[in-house]
Protein backbone atom coordinates (compact mmCIF):
# COMPACT_ATOMS: atom_id res chain seq x y z
CA MET A 1 0.00 0.00 0.00
CA VAL A 2 1.29 3.47 -0.85
CA GLU A 3 1.89 5.73 2.12
CA GLY A 4 1.25 9.33 1.06
CA THR A 5 1.82 12.57 2.95
CA MET A 6 0.84 16.12 2.02
CA MET A 7 3.31 18.75 3.13
CA SER A 8 2.63 22.35 4.09
CA GLY A 9 2.84 25.01 1.43
CA ARG A 10 1.02 23.24 -1.37
CA ASP A 11 -1.69 25.91 -1.49
CA GLN A 12 0.86 28.55 -2.49
CA GLU A 13 0.70 27.43 -6.13
CA PRO A 14 4.30 27.90 -7.26
CA SER A 15 4.88 28.12 -10.98
CA HIS A 16 7.11 25.06 -11.45
CA TYR A 17 7.27 21.59 -9.92
CA TYR A 18 9.83 18.79 -10.09
CA VAL A 19 9.49 15.12 -9.18
CA GLY A 20 12.23 13.21 -7.41
CA ILE A 21 12.13 9.40 -7.17
CA ASP A 22 14.41 7.54 -4.77
CA VAL A 23 14.80 3.75 -4.80
CA GLY A 24 16.27 2.55 -1.52
CA THR A 25 17.01 -0.91 -0.20
CA GLY A 26 13.49 -1.63 1.06
CA SER A 27 11.20 0.93 -0.55
CA VAL A 28 10.62 3.42 -3.35
CA ARG A 29 9.82 6.99 -2.41
CA ALA A 30 8.71 9.96 -4.49
CA ALA A 31 8.40 13.66 -3.75
CA LEU A 32 6.92 16.70 -5.43
CA VAL A 33 9.26 19.68 -4.99
CA ASP A 34 8.72 23.27 -6.09
CA GLN A 35 11.23 25.75 -7.50
CA ARG A 36 11.92 27.06 -3.99
CA GLY A 37 13.02 23.64 -2.84
CA LEU A 38 9.94 23.00 -0.70
CA LEU A 39 8.84 19.39 -0.55
CA LEU A 40 5.08 19.49 -1.09
CA ALA A 41 4.05 15.85 -1.29
CA PHE A 42 5.63 12.52 -0.39
CA ALA A 43 4.73 8.86 -0.93
CA GLU A 44 6.41 5.55 -0.17
CA GLN A 45 5.91 1.98 -1.38
CA PRO A 46 7.77 -1.14 -0.14
CA ILE A 47 9.58 -3.31 -2.68
CA LYS A 48 10.28 -7.03 -2.65
CA LYS A 49 13.59 -8.58 -1.63
CA TRP A 50 14.79 -12.17 -1.85
CA GLU A 51 17.64 -13.89 -0.03
CA PRO A 52 17.75 -17.39 -1.59
CA GLN A 53 20.94 -18.18 0.33
CA PHE A 54 23.27 -16.44 2.73
CA ASN A 55 24.83 -13.26 1.27
CA HIS A 56 22.72 -13.50 -1.92
CA HIS A 57 20.34 -10.53 -2.10
CA GLU A 58 18.05 -10.04 -5.10
CA GLN A 59 15.23 -7.81 -6.31
CA SER A 60 12.97 -7.44 -9.34
CA SER A 61 13.36 -4.51 -11.72
CA GLU A 62 9.71 -4.86 -12.76
CA ASP A 63 8.57 -4.70 -9.13
CA ILE A 64 10.74 -1.64 -8.56
CA TRP A 65 9.36 0.14 -11.63
CA ALA A 66 5.78 -0.65 -10.62
CA ALA A 67 6.46 0.90 -7.21
CA CYS A 68 7.92 3.99 -8.91
CA CYS A 69 4.68 4.38 -10.85
CA LEU A 70 2.50 4.04 -7.75
CA VAL A 71 4.32 6.63 -5.66
CA THR A 72 4.66 9.11 -8.53
CA LYS A 73 0.92 9.03 -9.26
CA GLU A 74 0.32 9.62 -5.56
CA VAL A 75 2.43 12.77 -5.25
CA VAL A 76 1.11 14.49 -8.40
CA GLN A 77 -2.58 14.04 -7.63
CA GLY A 78 -4.45 17.32 -8.07
CA ILE A 79 -1.45 19.12 -9.58
CA ASP A 80 -1.62 21.04 -12.86
CA ALA A 81 0.45 18.66 -14.99
CA HIS A 82 1.71 21.46 -17.22
CA ARG A 83 3.62 22.89 -14.26
CA ILE A 84 5.66 19.70 -13.77
CA ARG A 85 8.93 20.51 -15.48
CA GLY A 86 11.36 17.71 -14.69
CA LEU A 87 11.95 14.27 -13.23
CA GLY A 88 15.04 12.91 -11.50
CA PHE A 89 15.91 9.42 -10.30
CA ASP A 90 18.32 8.11 -7.72
CA ALA A 91 18.73 4.53 -6.56
CA THR A 92 20.98 2.07 -4.83
CA CYS A 93 23.94 0.88 -6.88
CA SER A 94 22.40 -2.53 -7.57
CA LEU A 95 23.01 -4.47 -10.81
CA VAL A 96 20.11 -4.95 -13.26
CA VAL A 97 20.43 -7.62 -15.96
CA LEU A 98 18.37 -7.61 -19.18
CA ASP A 99 18.58 -9.57 -22.43
CA LYS A 100 19.04 -8.05 -25.88
CA GLU A 101 15.31 -7.25 -26.07
CA PHE A 102 15.40 -5.61 -22.62
CA HIS A 103 13.64 -8.50 -20.88
CA PRO A 104 14.74 -9.56 -17.37
CA LEU A 105 17.27 -12.37 -16.98
CA PRO A 106 17.74 -14.50 -13.85
CA VAL A 107 20.63 -13.72 -11.51
CA ASN A 108 19.99 -16.87 -9.48
CA HIS A 109 20.49 -20.62 -9.78
CA GLU A 110 16.73 -21.16 -9.66
CA GLY A 111 16.35 -19.53 -13.09
CA ASP A 112 13.73 -17.07 -11.83
CA SER A 113 13.97 -14.23 -14.36
CA SER A 114 11.72 -11.98 -12.28
CA ARG A 115 14.64 -11.75 -9.83
CA ASN A 116 17.02 -9.95 -12.18
CA VAL A 117 18.68 -7.51 -9.78
CA ILE A 118 21.75 -8.28 -7.66
CA MET A 119 21.46 -5.88 -4.75
CA TRP A 120 24.26 -3.57 -3.70
CA LEU A 121 24.78 -5.39 -0.38
CA ASP A 122 25.08 -8.81 -2.06
CA HIS A 123 28.36 -10.54 -1.12
CA ARG A 124 28.24 -13.59 -3.38
CA ALA A 125 31.30 -12.53 -5.41
CA VAL A 126 33.90 -12.89 -2.64
CA SER A 127 36.36 -15.04 -4.58
CA GLN A 128 35.93 -12.88 -7.67
CA VAL A 129 36.76 -9.64 -5.84
CA HIS A 130 39.82 -11.24 -4.26
CA ARG A 131 41.12 -12.23 -7.70
CA ILE A 132 40.41 -8.77 -9.07
CA ASN A 133 42.32 -7.17 -6.21
CA GLU A 134 45.25 -9.51 -6.71
CA THR A 135 45.76 -8.02 -10.18
CA LYS A 136 46.71 -4.66 -8.57
CA HIS A 137 45.54 -3.02 -11.79
CA ARG A 138 45.93 0.76 -11.99
CA VAL A 139 42.16 1.38 -11.89
CA LEU A 140 42.15 0.15 -8.27
CA GLN A 141 43.95 3.29 -7.11
CA TYR A 142 40.66 5.11 -7.72
CA VAL A 143 38.69 2.89 -5.33
CA GLY A 144 40.94 3.30 -2.31
CA GLY A 145 43.40 0.66 -3.55
CA VAL A 146 40.99 -2.25 -3.04
CA MET A 147 37.79 -2.98 -4.96
CA SER A 148 34.71 -3.75 -2.91
CA VAL A 149 32.53 -6.82 -3.39
CA GLU A 150 29.64 -4.32 -3.53
CA MET A 151 30.88 -2.95 -6.87
CA GLN A 152 29.84 -4.24 -10.27
CA ALA A 153 32.94 -5.87 -11.76
CA PRO A 154 33.05 -8.80 -9.28
CA LYS A 155 29.30 -9.33 -9.64
CA LEU A 156 29.64 -9.44 -13.44
CA LEU A 157 32.47 -11.95 -13.16
CA TRP A 158 30.35 -14.09 -10.81
CA LEU A 159 27.54 -14.15 -13.36
CA LYS A 160 29.91 -15.23 -16.13
CA GLU A 161 31.42 -17.99 -14.01
CA ASN A 162 28.22 -19.28 -12.41
CA LEU A 163 25.24 -18.50 -14.69
CA ARG A 164 26.79 -18.57 -18.12
CA GLU A 165 24.02 -20.31 -20.04
CA ILE A 166 20.89 -18.86 -18.43
CA CYS A 167 22.20 -15.34 -17.92
CA TRP A 168 25.61 -14.26 -19.19
CA ASP A 169 25.40 -15.54 -22.75
CA LYS A 170 21.91 -14.07 -23.20
CA ALA A 171 22.63 -10.71 -21.62
CA GLY A 172 22.34 -7.60 -23.74
CA HIS A 173 22.37 -4.89 -21.08
CA PHE A 174 23.86 -4.52 -17.61
CA PHE A 175 22.55 -1.40 -15.86
CA ASP A 176 23.24 0.22 -12.56
CA LEU A 177 19.76 0.55 -11.05
CA PRO A 178 19.65 4.39 -11.35
CA ASP A 179 20.47 4.11 -15.07
CA PHE A 180 17.87 1.38 -15.55
CA LEU A 181 15.22 3.76 -14.22
CA SER A 182 16.22 6.61 -16.53
CA TRP A 183 16.22 4.16 -19.48
CA LYS A 184 12.79 2.90 -18.47
CA ALA A 185 11.50 6.48 -18.45
CA THR A 186 13.06 7.63 -21.72
CA GLY A 187 14.23 4.65 -23.77
CA VAL A 188 17.73 6.16 -23.74
CA THR A 189 20.50 3.75 -22.71
CA ALA A 190 22.93 6.51 -21.71
CA ARG A 191 24.62 6.00 -18.37
CA SER A 192 25.23 8.54 -15.65
CA LEU A 193 28.85 9.40 -15.05
CA CYS A 194 28.11 8.97 -11.33
CA SER A 195 27.30 5.27 -11.61
CA LEU A 196 30.05 4.34 -14.04
CA VAL A 197 32.83 6.20 -12.23
CA CYS A 198 31.89 5.03 -8.74
CA LYS A 199 30.96 1.38 -9.34
CA TRP A 200 32.27 0.33 -12.76
CA THR A 201 35.90 1.68 -12.96
CA TYR A 202 35.05 4.20 -15.69
CA SER A 203 37.27 7.30 -15.76
CA ALA A 204 35.69 10.70 -16.34
CA GLU A 205 38.90 11.75 -18.07
CA LYS A 206 40.00 8.58 -19.93
CA GLY A 207 36.87 6.44 -20.31
CA TRP A 208 37.02 2.65 -20.07
CA ASP A 209 40.33 0.86 -19.57
CA ASP A 210 40.39 -2.15 -21.92
CA SER A 211 43.32 -3.75 -20.12
CA PHE A 212 41.38 -4.05 -16.86
CA TRP A 213 38.48 -5.99 -18.37
CA LYS A 214 40.91 -8.25 -20.27
CA MET A 215 42.97 -8.90 -17.14
CA ILE A 216 39.98 -10.00 -15.04
CA GLY A 217 38.46 -12.20 -17.75
CA LEU A 218 35.60 -9.97 -18.90
CA GLU A 219 37.09 -8.97 -22.26
CA ASP A 220 33.77 -9.74 -23.97
CA LEU A 221 32.34 -6.54 -22.45
CA ILE A 222 34.66 -4.53 -24.69
CA ASP A 223 32.77 -5.76 -27.78
CA ASP A 224 30.73 -3.21 -29.72
CA ASN A 225 32.31 -0.33 -27.86
CA TYR A 226 31.07 -1.43 -24.42
CA SER A 227 27.45 -1.41 -25.56
CA LYS A 228 26.40 -3.80 -22.78
CA ILE A 229 27.64 -1.60 -19.94
CA GLY A 230 27.58 1.89 -21.45
CA ASN A 231 29.16 3.83 -24.30
CA LEU A 232 27.16 7.07 -23.96
CA VAL A 233 27.96 8.75 -20.65
CA LEU A 234 26.32 11.93 -19.36
CA LEU A 235 26.80 14.19 -16.37
CA PRO A 236 24.18 13.87 -13.62
CA GLY A 237 21.33 16.28 -14.36
CA ALA A 238 21.82 16.21 -18.13
CA SER A 239 18.57 15.90 -20.08
CA LEU A 240 17.95 12.49 -21.66
CA GLY A 241 16.64 12.25 -25.22
CA ILE A 242 13.28 13.92 -25.78
CA GLY A 243 12.12 13.31 -22.24
CA LEU A 244 9.47 11.00 -20.84
CA THR A 245 8.11 8.53 -23.38
CA PRO A 246 4.33 8.27 -23.87
CA GLU A 247 4.30 4.74 -22.38
CA ALA A 248 6.30 5.74 -19.30
CA ALA A 249 4.20 8.91 -18.94
CA ARG A 250 1.00 6.84 -18.77
CA GLU A 251 2.50 4.49 -16.19
CA LEU A 252 3.87 7.30 -14.00
CA GLY A 253 0.89 9.64 -14.35
CA LEU A 254 3.08 12.44 -15.73
CA PRO A 255 2.98 14.46 -18.96
CA SER A 256 4.72 12.94 -21.95
CA GLY A 257 7.91 14.72 -22.94
CA ILE A 258 8.82 16.29 -19.60
CA ALA A 259 12.55 16.43 -19.00
CA VAL A 260 14.21 13.40 -17.39
CA ALA A 261 17.69 13.74 -15.93
CA ALA A 262 20.72 11.51 -15.97
CA SER A 263 20.61 9.92 -12.54
CA LEU A 264 22.61 9.67 -9.33
CA ILE A 265 23.33 6.88 -6.88
CA ASP A 266 21.10 7.43 -3.84
CA ALA A 267 23.89 8.46 -1.46
CA HIS A 268 25.19 10.93 -4.02
CA ALA A 269 21.73 12.46 -4.37
CA GLY A 270 21.71 12.93 -0.61
CA GLY A 271 25.15 14.48 -0.76
CA LEU A 272 24.01 16.87 -3.48
CA GLY A 273 20.95 17.74 -1.42
CA VAL A 274 22.90 18.81 1.68
CA ILE A 275 26.53 19.60 0.95
CA GLY A 276 25.81 23.09 -0.38
CA ALA A 277 23.26 23.98 2.27
CA ASP A 278 22.97 27.57 3.49
CA VAL A 279 24.13 27.83 7.11
CA ARG A 280 24.81 31.56 7.18
CA GLY A 281 24.08 33.33 10.43
CA HIS A 282 24.54 30.38 12.77
CA GLY A 283 28.21 30.88 13.68
CA LEU A 284 29.38 27.55 12.28
CA THR A 285 33.02 27.28 11.28
CA CYS A 286 32.10 26.00 7.83
CA GLU A 287 30.29 29.28 7.07
CA ARG A 288 33.71 30.86 6.52
CA GLN A 289 35.20 27.83 4.81
CA PRO A 290 34.88 26.31 1.34
CA VAL A 291 32.36 23.56 0.63
CA THR A 292 35.28 21.10 0.72
CA SER A 293 35.31 21.43 4.54
CA ARG A 294 31.95 19.64 4.75
CA LEU A 295 31.33 15.93 5.03
CA ALA A 296 27.89 14.72 3.97
CA VAL A 297 26.87 11.55 5.80
CA ILE A 298 23.95 9.74 4.21
CA CYS A 299 22.83 7.22 6.79
CA GLY A 300 20.18 4.57 6.24
CA THR A 301 20.54 0.80 5.79
CA SER A 302 24.22 1.58 5.26
CA SER A 303 26.10 4.85 5.64
CA CYS A 304 28.08 6.80 3.06
CA HIS A 305 30.51 9.61 3.88
CA MET A 306 30.87 12.05 0.98
CA GLY A 307 33.69 14.58 0.89
CA ILE A 308 34.69 16.67 -2.13
CA SER A 309 37.96 18.36 -3.08
CA LYS A 310 39.29 20.58 -5.85
CA ASP A 311 42.22 18.24 -6.45
CA PRO A 312 42.34 14.44 -6.24
CA VAL A 313 42.99 13.02 -2.76
CA PHE A 314 43.94 9.35 -2.58
CA VAL A 315 42.72 7.85 0.69
CA PRO A 316 43.65 4.23 1.49
CA GLY A 317 40.51 2.17 2.03
CA VAL A 318 38.16 4.99 0.99
CA TRP A 319 36.55 4.94 -2.45
CA GLY A 320 37.68 7.50 -4.98
CA PRO A 321 38.90 9.98 -5.86
CA TYR A 322 36.10 10.15 -8.45
CA PHE A 323 36.08 13.17 -10.75
CA SER A 324 32.69 14.85 -11.26
CA ALA A 325 30.81 11.88 -9.77
CA MET A 326 28.57 14.00 -7.53
CA VAL A 327 29.41 17.66 -8.14
CA PRO A 328 30.90 18.35 -11.60
CA GLY A 329 34.37 19.80 -11.39
CA PHE A 330 35.06 18.41 -7.90
CA TRP A 331 36.73 15.15 -6.89
CA LEU A 332 34.73 12.91 -4.59
CA ASN A 333 35.93 10.55 -1.87
CA GLU A 334 33.31 8.18 -0.48
CA GLY A 335 33.79 6.39 2.79
CA GLY A 336 31.17 3.99 4.01
CA GLN A 337 29.87 1.47 6.50
CA SER A 338 28.19 -1.54 4.91
CA VAL A 339 25.55 -1.89 7.60
CA THR A 340 24.34 0.79 9.99
CA GLY A 341 20.54 0.93 10.12
CA LYS A 342 20.49 -2.75 9.27
CA LEU A 343 22.96 -3.47 12.08
CA ILE A 344 20.91 -1.56 14.65
CA ASP A 345 17.78 -3.47 13.59
CA HIS A 346 19.69 -6.76 13.79
CA MET A 347 20.97 -6.12 17.30
CA VAL A 348 17.66 -4.87 18.67
CA GLN A 349 15.38 -7.42 17.01
CA GLY A 350 17.60 -10.34 18.02
CA HIS A 351 17.51 -9.53 21.73
CA PRO A 352 15.27 -11.61 24.05
CA ALA A 353 13.58 -8.42 25.32
CA PHE A 354 12.49 -7.32 21.85
CA PRO A 355 8.85 -8.55 22.21
CA GLU A 356 8.55 -6.56 25.45
CA LEU A 357 9.98 -3.51 23.67
CA GLN A 358 7.49 -3.86 20.82
CA ALA A 359 4.56 -4.13 23.20
CA LYS A 360 5.57 -1.10 25.27
CA ALA A 361 6.37 1.05 22.23
CA THR A 362 3.03 0.14 20.64
CA ALA A 363 1.18 0.97 23.83
CA ARG A 364 2.70 4.46 23.77
CA CYS A 365 2.20 4.88 20.00
CA GLN A 366 5.95 5.26 19.57
CA SER A 367 8.53 3.72 17.31
CA ILE A 368 10.76 1.21 19.05
CA TYR A 369 13.72 3.59 18.76
CA ALA A 370 11.87 6.56 20.20
CA TYR A 371 10.93 4.33 23.12
CA LEU A 372 14.52 3.11 23.56
CA ASN A 373 15.83 6.69 23.51
CA GLY A 374 13.37 7.60 26.25
CA HIS A 375 14.24 4.49 28.23
CA LEU A 376 17.95 5.37 28.13
CA ASP A 377 17.12 8.80 29.55
CA LEU A 378 15.27 7.10 32.43
CA ILE A 379 18.09 4.73 33.37
CA LYS A 380 21.05 7.08 32.92
CA LYS A 381 20.37 8.75 36.30
CA ALA A 382 22.70 11.71 36.92
CA GLN A 383 25.44 10.74 34.49
CA PRO A 384 25.56 11.38 30.74
CA VAL A 385 23.85 8.66 28.73
CA GLY A 386 27.15 7.61 27.15
CA PHE A 387 28.43 6.30 30.46
CA LEU A 388 25.88 3.49 30.35
CA THR A 389 28.13 1.52 28.00
CA VAL A 390 31.22 1.69 30.22
CA ASP A 391 31.36 -2.13 30.29
CA LEU A 392 29.74 -3.00 26.94
CA HIS A 393 31.36 -2.49 23.55
CA VAL A 394 30.49 -3.40 19.98
CA TRP A 395 32.74 -3.89 16.97
CA PRO A 396 30.29 -3.09 14.14
CA ASP A 397 31.73 -4.95 11.12
CA PHE A 398 29.01 -7.61 10.98
CA HIS A 399 28.98 -7.39 7.16
CA GLY A 400 32.66 -6.69 6.65
CA ASN A 401 34.39 -3.32 6.72
CA ARG A 402 33.87 -1.03 3.73
CA SER A 403 36.05 1.85 4.96
CA PRO A 404 38.78 2.45 5.86
CA LEU A 405 40.02 -1.12 6.48
CA ALA A 406 38.38 -2.32 3.23
CA ASP A 407 38.18 -5.91 4.47
CA LEU A 408 34.98 -7.78 3.67
CA THR A 409 36.08 -10.76 5.79
CA LEU A 410 35.87 -8.87 9.09
CA LYS A 411 33.18 -9.93 11.51
CA GLY A 412 31.34 -8.16 14.30
CA MET A 413 31.87 -8.58 18.01
CA VAL A 414 30.24 -7.67 21.32
CA THR A 415 32.33 -7.65 24.49
CA GLY A 416 31.07 -7.19 28.03
CA LEU A 417 27.94 -9.32 27.86
CA THR A 418 26.24 -10.56 31.02
CA LEU A 419 23.38 -12.97 31.69
CA SER A 420 20.92 -10.07 31.76
CA GLN A 421 18.10 -10.23 29.22
CA ASP A 422 15.88 -7.39 30.35
CA LEU A 423 14.86 -4.15 28.64
CA ASP A 424 17.68 -2.18 30.30
CA ASP A 425 20.15 -4.62 28.78
CA LEU A 426 18.57 -4.22 25.33
CA ALA A 427 18.65 -0.42 25.57
CA ILE A 428 22.33 -0.38 26.51
CA LEU A 429 23.20 -2.80 23.68
CA TYR A 430 21.35 -0.49 21.30
CA LEU A 431 23.34 2.49 22.62
CA ALA A 432 26.64 0.62 22.29
CA THR A 433 25.79 -0.23 18.67
CA VAL A 434 25.01 3.39 17.84
CA GLN A 435 28.27 4.45 19.47
CA ALA A 436 30.22 1.86 17.50
CA ILE A 437 28.80 3.21 14.25
CA ALA A 438 29.76 6.74 15.29
CA PHE A 439 33.29 5.58 16.05
CA GLY A 440 33.38 4.05 12.57
CA THR A 441 32.55 7.48 11.17
CA ARG A 442 35.31 9.01 13.30
CA PHE A 443 37.77 6.39 11.98
CA ILE A 444 36.83 7.30 8.39
CA ILE A 445 37.18 11.04 9.08
CA GLU A 446 40.61 10.59 10.66
CA THR A 447 41.76 8.54 7.68
CA MET A 448 40.48 11.12 5.18
CA GLU A 449 42.13 13.96 7.07
CA ALA A 450 45.43 12.09 7.30
CA ALA A 451 45.36 11.80 3.49
CA GLY A 452 44.76 15.52 2.93
CA HIS A 453 41.12 16.39 3.49
CA SER A 454 40.30 19.22 5.91
CA LEU A 455 36.86 18.61 7.43
CA SER A 456 35.05 20.67 10.04
CA THR A 457 31.31 19.97 9.88
CA LEU A 458 29.03 16.96 9.38
CA PHE A 459 25.84 17.28 7.30
CA LEU A 460 23.60 14.30 8.04
CA CYS A 461 20.62 13.07 6.06
CA GLY A 462 18.81 9.79 5.52
CA GLY A 463 16.61 7.71 7.79
CA LEU A 464 19.01 7.46 10.73
CA SER A 465 19.41 11.24 10.83
CA LYS A 466 15.85 11.32 12.21
CA ASN A 467 17.09 9.52 15.34
CA PRO A 468 18.28 12.13 17.91
CA LEU A 469 20.52 9.64 19.71
CA PHE A 470 22.28 8.64 16.48
CA VAL A 471 22.90 12.30 15.65
CA GLN A 472 24.07 13.21 19.15
CA MET A 473 26.52 10.32 19.34
CA HIS A 474 28.05 11.41 16.02
CA ALA A 475 28.51 14.92 17.38
CA ASP A 476 29.95 13.68 20.68
CA ILE A 477 32.30 11.11 19.23
CA THR A 478 33.61 12.97 16.17
CA GLY A 479 33.84 16.29 17.98
CA MET A 480 32.25 18.03 15.02
CA PRO A 481 29.06 20.07 14.82
CA VAL A 482 26.27 18.19 13.07
CA VAL A 483 23.90 20.04 10.77
CA LEU A 484 20.44 18.74 9.95
CA SER A 485 17.96 20.31 7.57
CA GLN A 486 14.39 21.23 8.35
CA GLU A 487 13.55 19.15 5.28
CA VAL A 488 14.54 15.63 6.27
CA GLU A 489 14.08 14.08 2.82
CA SER A 490 17.38 15.38 1.45
CA VAL A 491 17.88 12.45 -0.93
CA LEU A 492 14.56 13.17 -2.64
CA VAL A 493 15.40 16.86 -2.89
CA GLY A 494 18.69 15.85 -4.52
CA ALA A 495 16.77 13.79 -7.09
CA ALA A 496 14.42 16.73 -7.73
CA ILE A 497 17.45 18.99 -8.25
CA LEU A 498 18.42 16.70 -11.13
CA GLY A 499 14.99 17.13 -12.69
CA ALA A 500 15.27 20.91 -12.29
CA CYS A 501 18.59 20.88 -14.13
CA ALA A 502 17.26 18.65 -16.92
CA SER A 503 14.30 20.99 -17.42
CA GLY A 504 16.59 23.90 -18.17
CA ASP A 505 15.25 25.96 -15.28
CA PHE A 506 18.74 25.66 -13.82
CA THR A 507 21.65 25.46 -16.22
CA SER A 508 23.54 22.57 -14.64
CA VAL A 509 24.93 21.31 -11.36
CA GLN A 510 28.26 23.01 -11.96
CA PRO A 511 30.41 24.26 -9.08
CA GLY A 512 29.79 27.88 -9.99
CA LEU A 513 26.05 27.30 -9.82
CA LEU A 514 26.08 25.05 -6.77
CA HIS A 515 25.48 28.00 -4.46
CA SER A 516 22.57 29.46 -6.42
CA LEU A 517 20.94 26.09 -7.03
CA VAL A 518 21.38 24.16 -3.82
CA PHE A 519 21.21 27.18 -1.54
CA SER A 520 17.92 28.26 -3.06
CA PHE A 521 16.66 24.75 -2.46
CA TRP A 522 17.77 24.96 1.16
CA LYS A 523 16.52 28.31 2.39
CA LEU A 524 14.83 26.65 5.35
CA LEU A 525 17.85 24.67 6.47
CA SER A 526 18.87 25.25 10.09
CA PRO A 527 21.51 23.56 12.25
CA VAL A 528 20.55 21.44 15.21
CA LYS A 529 22.25 21.72 18.56
CA THR A 530 25.84 20.53 18.44
CA VAL A 531 28.16 19.10 21.04
CA SER A 532 31.91 19.61 20.93
CA ILE A 533 34.20 16.88 22.08
CA THR A 534 34.91 17.19 25.01
CA LYS A 535 34.40 19.44 28.01
CA GLN A 536 35.51 16.37 29.84
CA LEU A 537 38.75 14.63 28.83
CA ILE A 538 38.81 11.07 27.63
CA LEU A 539 36.36 9.02 29.65
CA GLN A 540 37.59 5.62 28.74
CA THR A 541 40.05 3.80 26.55
CA PHE A 542 39.85 0.20 25.72
CA CYS A 543 41.73 -1.88 23.20
CA VAL A 544 39.87 -4.38 21.07
CA ASP A 545 42.25 -7.27 20.53
CA PHE A 546 40.05 -9.81 18.80
CA ILE A 547 42.93 -11.99 17.66
CA LEU A 548 41.01 -14.76 15.99
CA VAL A 549 42.58 -17.70 14.21
CA ASN A 550 41.85 -16.46 10.68
CA LYS A 551 42.38 -12.76 11.35
CA TRP A 552 46.09 -12.57 12.15
CA GLU A 553 47.04 -11.01 8.82
CA CYS A 554 44.40 -8.37 9.32
CA PHE A 555 45.81 -7.53 12.73
CA LYS A 556 49.36 -7.36 11.43
CA LYS A 557 48.10 -4.93 8.79
CA ARG A 558 46.34 -2.59 11.15
CA LYS A 559 48.40 -3.46 14.27
CA GLN A 560 46.21 -2.30 17.08
CA HIS A 561 43.04 -0.26 17.18
CA ARG A 562 41.93 1.76 20.10
CA PHE A 563 38.49 3.16 20.62
CA PHE A 564 38.38 6.37 22.59
CA PHE A 565 34.99 6.88 24.20
CA SER A 566 34.49 10.56 24.89
CA PHE A 567 31.32 12.23 25.97
CA CYS A 568 30.24 15.68 27.00
CA LYS A 569 28.64 16.60 30.25
């Protein structure tokens, strides 16, 4: 069922509207945004996911498109269609496989062609990514030195080696999910520079590197000038073809021919939506600094840490530098944590006290996390809430480490467990997990700064940014002010910005226009309270020495890691 919400300001009848569509891990969302950047209507629809075996995660491109159509029709109800000027898509960097006639192909041993999407978090291609990394090919220097199993090359190699007859040999088109959506809307097979640079090893300056694909055994992708994976590449926000096709227009409930933009990966849309935000008049350090001093953290199922620079910065274990992947003319480094929201859910839902938590939260008409935040305030007594985890610590790499260790074999750990199974115990485990994620962000920031970035302020968006505890722990533990917008749906605003650019109402998302475009979209942005680290010196230091049998090489590589737990009074 579509969940729709009408936002304030719709009765003001602005002259132009733009539609942003965001495809996340578990749902599709759409928003109607006006030329002032106000989000006027919002709708959400869940999408199907399959996990046929451990670490295999699949979706259906047809199910995703159907959800896009439902939510878009919802947000444009009652709107003068002639005022809708542009449409922008963002999505997870999942892999969509179609045959030569653009029909779905199976990405599973069961031969189910409806499941034709390998999700971004899929880790089936472990041996393939190890072999790719062993090549030490020059393209790897642009992904932090080590390719991630979440990128497309290892997934493509897995398909060739495991599903040759039912998938690989029949395949005509491999799309990143954002590019699939723009093709579905326009019939244009052009790819966004964002997707190809960040997940496919494409270079904005040099194009494809033939030697890489030959070295890893995917030389057949070079045929016909890379037609299967993209030979027409456009900047995000560029207008595609002649706009929305009549068929797509009918399905989406939009006018035929409206401008459709080259897409962005979802995290990059969030970064675009917040990194240029107007914070003048609030006394923040970044007000007097260039946009390169800001780190956008897009936090949902996973977290992405987006920092831009005028010159390339090579950061070990952090993706990039990618030229023009998010903001044209700037280099992008992208740190990340493979599971954040998903990890919190896993820890909370797996605890014996979870049924009690559900019942009490329901009785108070609260979300489980709002209830847990309130419960922590009750049990903290006179001390700061952070002190509750003095004896309980979490290592958060339950799905490997994306950044900066770049080791998909790492596992999670909890130390300090007792026999307690009550609600207090659950709340403190939840807090320790949130803290661990914040320390992961601090680890990424320290690594980026050691490589040459100069960062002073965090700009958070995404689902987890709605959780006050999550935000506060990031401020406490990183020691940086955290800025949130009054409009929480920053990713959708980023997608709408693309549509605005494609329409011609804004020239492009160029650095010189970033201020006029994004700032006008963010007039209502205001910072939340921030906490500097620390009025109190280091509260606690503990060393995590999980020297496990199969992890010795990892420990030799990183020697010893210390977590410094610091909290403010």
